[in-house]
Amino acid sequence: MNPMILTVVIAASAFILSIFAANWLNLRGNDRLFERFDKHNDRLFEQLSQHNDRLFEQFNQHNDRLLEQLNQQNDRLFERLDKQLAAQFGEVRAEFAAVRAEVTTRLTA
């Protein structure tokens, strides 16, 4: 066999093998990078989830405080309204009682 052809075949084979080896090493490196990326994303997602949980908890506490204040204010307003209505209807009842008494005395007299 011609030494020139043999040299070219060996060089071409070595070149092809080196390309496959480099490709294989590159794939392994990419796999490691993807694994690191996945772990990093998992950590970020966990941190985001914890942060969201804290925000929802703060929101719920704030919302509960506001609802409690609203309920207290409503209670105070209804108490005032009840007192005002009781006072007004008390006056009306007193007037009706006076009219009833007057009518009763006129009818009996």
Protein backbone atom coordinates (compact mmCIF):
# COMPACT_ATOMS: atom_id res chain seq x y z
CA MET A 1 0.00 0.00 0.00
CA ASN A 2 1.19 3.44 -0.78
CA PRO A 3 2.59 5.23 2.29
CA MET A 4 0.94 8.47 1.22
CA ILE A 5 -2.54 6.90 1.11
CA LEU A 6 -1.89 5.14 4.40
CA THR A 7 -0.89 8.45 6.01
CA VAL A 8 -3.97 10.21 4.65
CA VAL A 9 -6.25 7.40 5.87
CA ILE A 10 -4.69 7.45 9.33
CA ALA A 11 -4.86 11.27 9.50
CA ALA A 12 -8.48 11.29 8.35
CA SER A 13 -9.38 8.57 10.85
CA ALA A 14 -7.65 10.44 13.66
CA PHE A 15 -9.43 13.65 12.64
CA ILE A 16 -12.82 11.94 12.55
CA LEU A 17 -12.20 10.25 15.92
CA SER A 18 -11.08 13.53 17.45
CA ILE A 19 -14.28 15.22 16.18
CA PHE A 20 -16.44 12.49 17.74
CA ALA A 21 -14.42 12.62 20.97
CA ALA A 22 -14.74 16.41 21.15
CA ASN A 23 -18.44 16.15 20.45
CA TRP A 24 -18.86 13.52 23.17
CA LEU A 25 -16.92 15.63 25.68
CA ASN A 26 -18.94 18.68 24.71
CA LEU A 27 -22.19 16.75 25.31
CA ARG A 28 -20.99 15.68 28.75
CA GLY A 29 -20.09 19.27 29.54
CA ASN A 30 -23.48 20.46 28.34
CA ASP A 31 -25.18 17.82 30.49
CA ARG A 32 -23.31 19.07 33.55
CA LEU A 33 -24.26 22.65 32.69
CA PHE A 34 -27.91 21.66 32.32
CA GLU A 35 -27.80 19.85 35.66
CA ARG A 36 -26.36 22.95 37.33
CA PHE A 37 -28.95 25.08 35.56
CA ASP A 38 -31.77 22.80 36.77
CA LYS A 39 -30.48 22.90 40.36
CA HIS A 40 -30.19 26.67 40.18
CA ASN A 41 -33.73 26.96 38.80
CA ASP A 42 -35.02 24.66 41.52
CA ARG A 43 -33.40 26.84 44.19
CA LEU A 44 -34.80 29.99 42.62
CA PHE A 45 -38.27 28.45 42.37
CA GLU A 46 -38.10 27.40 46.02
CA GLN A 47 -37.03 30.89 47.07
CA LEU A 48 -39.80 32.42 44.97
CA SER A 49 -42.33 30.04 46.47
CA GLN A 50 -41.22 30.90 50.01
CA HIS A 51 -41.33 34.61 49.22
CA ASN A 52 -44.85 34.25 47.77
CA ASP A 53 -45.96 32.33 50.84
CA ARG A 54 -44.65 35.12 53.07
CA LEU A 55 -46.38 37.76 50.95
CA PHE A 56 -49.69 35.86 51.04
CA GLU A 57 -49.37 35.46 54.80
CA GLN A 58 -48.74 39.19 55.22
CA PHE A 59 -51.64 39.96 52.91
CA ASN A 60 -53.96 37.68 54.87
CA GLN A 61 -52.90 39.22 58.18
CA HIS A 62 -53.39 42.74 56.84
CA ASN A 63 -56.74 41.75 55.33
CA ASP A 64 -57.84 40.22 58.64
CA ARG A 65 -56.90 43.42 60.49
CA LEU A 66 -58.83 45.54 58.01
CA LEU A 67 -61.88 43.29 58.26
CA GLU A 68 -61.74 43.45 62.04
CA GLN A 69 -61.56 47.25 61.93
CA LEU A 70 -64.45 47.34 59.46
CA ASN A 71 -66.52 45.06 61.69
CA GLN A 72 -65.82 47.24 64.73
CA GLN A 73 -66.75 50.38 62.81
CA ASN A 74 -69.96 48.74 61.57
CA ASP A 75 -70.81 47.69 65.12
CA ARG A 76 -70.32 51.25 66.37
CA LEU A 77 -72.43 52.67 63.54
CA PHE A 78 -75.25 50.19 64.12
CA GLU A 79 -75.20 50.93 67.84
CA ARG A 80 -75.53 54.65 67.12
CA LEU A 81 -78.31 53.97 64.63
CA ASP A 82 -80.14 51.76 67.13
CA LYS A 83 -79.87 54.46 69.80
CA GLN A 84 -81.11 57.15 67.41
CA LEU A 85 -84.02 55.02 66.22
CA ALA A 86 -84.91 54.03 69.78
CA ALA A 87 -84.88 57.69 70.81
CA GLN A 88 -87.03 58.76 67.83
CA PHE A 89 -89.50 55.90 68.21
CA GLY A 90 -89.57 56.51 71.95
CA GLU A 91 -90.72 60.07 71.25
CA VAL A 92 -93.32 58.79 68.78
CA ARG A 93 -94.55 56.21 71.30
CA ALA A 94 -94.80 58.89 73.95
CA GLU A 95 -96.83 61.07 71.56
CA PHE A 96 -99.10 58.13 70.70
CA ALA A 97 -99.54 57.40 74.38
CA ALA A 98 -100.48 61.03 75.00
CA VAL A 99 -102.95 61.00 72.08
CA ARG A 100 -104.40 57.69 73.27
CA ALA A 101 -104.79 59.03 76.77
CA GLU A 102 -106.47 62.20 75.47
CA VAL A 103 -108.82 60.21 73.22
CA THR A 104 -109.62 57.85 76.05
CA THR A 105 -110.40 60.71 78.41
CA ARG A 106 -112.62 62.44 75.82
CA LEU A 107 -114.48 59.25 75.07
CA THR A 108 -115.03 58.45 78.72
CA ALA A 109 -116.01 61.97 79.69
